[in-house]
Each structure stands twice: as C-alpha cells, then as structure tokens.
Amino acid sequence: MDNMFRSTSRPVQGRQISDQVTRGATTSFGPRSLETFVDLGVSNRQIAKYFHTSETQIVSLRRHYGLA
C-alpha cells in the first residue's frame, strides 16, 4: 500500500548541481521534501518562501531532480 502513493519522478542521472545554485545557499531539505511540495501542487515561489531560499534555486533543484 505504501508504494501506491509514491511518485514516479526520478532524479536525472549524470547531472551536477551547478556552483551557481549551491553558492552561498544551504538547503535544509532533501529531494523527497521538494517532491512532496511539488506533488501537492505548491508553487515554486511558495516553496522558496517556506524554505527561505530563492525561487531560482527551487527551479534549478526541480530540474536537477527531474521534478517537472
């Protein structure tokens, strides 16, 4: 039953997060947390505000983890 609620999105293989994304920014959340917000339909701006980061960083992380 647990598998019924899993998302089908997967990290994109072979991609590195650019220095521009990670420079000066410490993310206190992982891909699973980001995936949860995306699955709930929360906007990039709202996710960024919640995690106290920039919307640009959220967009870059979504691309990196393959979360459309």
N, C-alpha and C. Protein backbone atom coordinates (compact mmCIF):
# COMPACT_ATOMS: atom_id res chain seq x y z
N MET A 1 0.82 -1.19 0.00
CA MET A 1 0.00 0.00 0.00
C MET A 1 0.87 1.26 0.00
N ASP A 2 2.02 1.19 0.66
CA ASP A 2 2.91 2.34 0.69
C ASP A 2 3.34 2.74 -0.72
N ASN A 3 3.58 1.77 -1.59
CA ASN A 3 4.02 2.06 -2.94
C ASN A 3 2.95 2.75 -3.78
N MET A 4 1.70 2.62 -3.38
CA MET A 4 0.61 3.22 -4.13
C MET A 4 0.74 4.74 -4.17
N PHE A 5 1.33 5.36 -3.16
CA PHE A 5 1.40 6.80 -3.07
C PHE A 5 2.74 7.37 -3.52
N ARG A 6 3.63 6.54 -4.00
CA ARG A 6 4.94 7.02 -4.44
C ARG A 6 4.83 7.72 -5.79
N SER A 7 5.61 8.75 -5.93
CA SER A 7 5.66 9.49 -7.19
C SER A 7 6.52 8.72 -8.19
N THR A 8 6.27 8.94 -9.45
CA THR A 8 7.06 8.27 -10.48
C THR A 8 8.27 9.09 -10.89
N SER A 9 8.44 10.29 -10.33
CA SER A 9 9.58 11.11 -10.71
C SER A 9 10.87 10.56 -10.12
N ARG A 10 11.92 10.66 -10.88
CA ARG A 10 13.23 10.13 -10.51
C ARG A 10 14.29 11.20 -10.73
N PRO A 11 15.39 11.19 -9.96
CA PRO A 11 16.48 12.14 -10.22
C PRO A 11 17.06 11.92 -11.62
N VAL A 12 17.46 12.99 -12.23
CA VAL A 12 18.10 12.91 -13.53
C VAL A 12 19.53 12.43 -13.31
N GLN A 13 19.91 11.37 -13.98
CA GLN A 13 21.25 10.79 -13.81
C GLN A 13 22.30 11.60 -14.56
N GLY A 14 23.47 11.69 -13.97
CA GLY A 14 24.59 12.31 -14.65
C GLY A 14 24.59 13.82 -14.67
N ARG A 15 23.74 14.45 -13.90
CA ARG A 15 23.71 15.91 -13.85
C ARG A 15 24.23 16.38 -12.51
N GLN A 16 24.98 17.42 -12.53
CA GLN A 16 25.51 18.01 -11.31
C GLN A 16 24.79 19.32 -11.05
N ILE A 17 24.58 19.63 -9.77
CA ILE A 17 24.02 20.93 -9.43
C ILE A 17 25.13 21.94 -9.62
N SER A 18 24.86 23.00 -10.36
CA SER A 18 25.90 23.97 -10.66
C SER A 18 26.32 24.73 -9.41
N ASP A 19 27.54 25.27 -9.46
CA ASP A 19 28.03 26.08 -8.35
C ASP A 19 27.15 27.29 -8.12
N GLN A 20 26.57 27.79 -9.20
CA GLN A 20 25.71 28.96 -9.10
C GLN A 20 24.50 28.68 -8.21
N VAL A 21 23.99 27.47 -8.28
CA VAL A 21 22.82 27.11 -7.49
C VAL A 21 23.21 26.94 -6.03
N THR A 22 24.34 26.30 -5.78
CA THR A 22 24.72 25.97 -4.42
C THR A 22 25.55 27.04 -3.72
N ARG A 23 26.11 27.98 -4.48
CA ARG A 23 26.96 29.01 -3.90
C ARG A 23 26.18 29.89 -2.92
N GLY A 24 26.64 29.91 -1.69
CA GLY A 24 26.03 30.78 -0.69
C GLY A 24 24.67 30.34 -0.21
N ALA A 25 24.24 29.19 -0.60
CA ALA A 25 22.91 28.73 -0.19
C ALA A 25 23.02 27.35 0.44
N THR A 26 22.48 27.23 1.60
CA THR A 26 22.46 25.94 2.27
C THR A 26 21.03 25.45 2.27
N THR A 27 20.82 24.32 1.65
CA THR A 27 19.48 23.77 1.63
C THR A 27 19.30 22.86 2.83
N SER A 28 18.23 23.07 3.54
CA SER A 28 17.95 22.26 4.72
C SER A 28 16.87 21.23 4.41
N PHE A 29 16.72 20.92 3.14
CA PHE A 29 15.71 19.95 2.74
C PHE A 29 16.28 19.07 1.65
N GLY A 30 15.73 17.90 1.52
CA GLY A 30 16.20 16.95 0.52
C GLY A 30 15.25 16.83 -0.64
N PRO A 31 15.60 15.97 -1.58
CA PRO A 31 14.75 15.81 -2.77
C PRO A 31 13.36 15.30 -2.43
N ARG A 32 13.26 14.49 -1.39
CA ARG A 32 11.95 13.95 -1.01
C ARG A 32 11.03 15.05 -0.52
N SER A 33 11.58 16.01 0.24
CA SER A 33 10.78 17.14 0.71
C SER A 33 10.30 17.99 -0.45
N LEU A 34 11.21 18.26 -1.38
CA LEU A 34 10.84 19.05 -2.54
C LEU A 34 9.78 18.32 -3.37
N GLU A 35 9.96 17.02 -3.54
CA GLU A 35 9.00 16.22 -4.29
C GLU A 35 7.61 16.26 -3.65
N THR A 36 7.56 16.26 -2.34
CA THR A 36 6.27 16.31 -1.63
C THR A 36 5.54 17.61 -1.94
N PHE A 37 6.26 18.73 -1.88
CA PHE A 37 5.63 20.02 -2.18
C PHE A 37 5.17 20.08 -3.63
N VAL A 38 5.98 19.56 -4.54
CA VAL A 38 5.60 19.55 -5.96
C VAL A 38 4.35 18.70 -6.17
N ASP A 39 4.32 17.53 -5.55
CA ASP A 39 3.15 16.65 -5.67
C ASP A 39 1.88 17.29 -5.12
N LEU A 40 2.03 18.15 -4.12
CA LEU A 40 0.88 18.85 -3.55
C LEU A 40 0.44 20.04 -4.39
N GLY A 41 1.23 20.37 -5.40
CA GLY A 41 0.87 21.48 -6.28
C GLY A 41 1.27 22.85 -5.77
N VAL A 42 2.21 22.88 -4.83
CA VAL A 42 2.67 24.16 -4.28
C VAL A 42 3.57 24.83 -5.32
N SER A 43 3.43 26.13 -5.49
CA SER A 43 4.21 26.85 -6.49
C SER A 43 5.67 26.98 -6.06
N ASN A 44 6.54 27.22 -7.05
CA ASN A 44 7.96 27.41 -6.77
C ASN A 44 8.17 28.57 -5.79
N ARG A 45 7.43 29.63 -5.99
CA ARG A 45 7.55 30.81 -5.12
C ARG A 45 7.17 30.47 -3.68
N GLN A 46 6.10 29.71 -3.50
CA GLN A 46 5.68 29.32 -2.16
C GLN A 46 6.68 28.38 -1.50
N ILE A 47 7.25 27.44 -2.29
CA ILE A 47 8.26 26.52 -1.76
C ILE A 47 9.49 27.31 -1.32
N ALA A 48 9.92 28.25 -2.16
CA ALA A 48 11.09 29.07 -1.84
C ALA A 48 10.86 29.87 -0.56
N LYS A 49 9.69 30.42 -0.44
CA LYS A 49 9.36 31.20 0.76
C LYS A 49 9.38 30.30 2.00
N TYR A 50 8.83 29.12 1.90
CA TYR A 50 8.78 28.19 3.02
C TYR A 50 10.18 27.80 3.50
N PHE A 51 11.08 27.55 2.52
CA PHE A 51 12.44 27.12 2.86
C PHE A 51 13.44 28.28 2.96
N HIS A 52 12.95 29.51 2.85
CA HIS A 52 13.80 30.71 2.96
C HIS A 52 14.95 30.68 1.96
N THR A 53 14.61 30.46 0.72
CA THR A 53 15.60 30.43 -0.35
C THR A 53 15.01 31.14 -1.56
N SER A 54 15.76 31.18 -2.65
CA SER A 54 15.27 31.87 -3.85
C SER A 54 14.44 30.93 -4.73
N GLU A 55 13.57 31.55 -5.48
CA GLU A 55 12.75 30.78 -6.42
C GLU A 55 13.63 30.16 -7.51
N THR A 56 14.70 30.85 -7.87
CA THR A 56 15.65 30.34 -8.87
C THR A 56 16.28 29.03 -8.39
N GLN A 57 16.61 28.97 -7.11
CA GLN A 57 17.21 27.75 -6.58
C GLN A 57 16.21 26.60 -6.61
N ILE A 58 14.97 26.87 -6.30
CA ILE A 58 13.94 25.82 -6.33
C ILE A 58 13.77 25.30 -7.76
N VAL A 59 13.74 26.20 -8.73
CA VAL A 59 13.61 25.80 -10.13
C VAL A 59 14.79 24.92 -10.54
N SER A 60 16.00 25.33 -10.16
CA SER A 60 17.20 24.55 -10.50
C SER A 60 17.19 23.18 -9.85
N LEU A 61 16.78 23.12 -8.60
CA LEU A 61 16.72 21.83 -7.90
C LEU A 61 15.65 20.92 -8.51
N ARG A 62 14.52 21.50 -8.90
CA ARG A 62 13.48 20.70 -9.55
C ARG A 62 13.99 20.11 -10.85
N ARG A 63 14.73 20.90 -11.62
CA ARG A 63 15.31 20.38 -12.87
C ARG A 63 16.31 19.29 -12.57
N HIS A 64 17.15 19.51 -11.58
CA HIS A 64 18.17 18.52 -11.23
C HIS A 64 17.55 17.19 -10.82
N TYR A 65 16.50 17.24 -10.02
CA TYR A 65 15.86 16.02 -9.53
C TYR A 65 14.79 15.49 -10.48
N GLY A 66 14.57 16.14 -11.60
CA GLY A 66 13.60 15.66 -12.57
C GLY A 66 12.16 15.82 -12.12
N LEU A 67 11.91 16.86 -11.34
CA LEU A 67 10.55 17.13 -10.83
C LEU A 67 9.91 18.23 -11.67
N ALA A 68 9.21 17.83 -12.69
CA ALA A 68 8.60 18.79 -13.62
C ALA A 68 7.53 19.62 -13.00
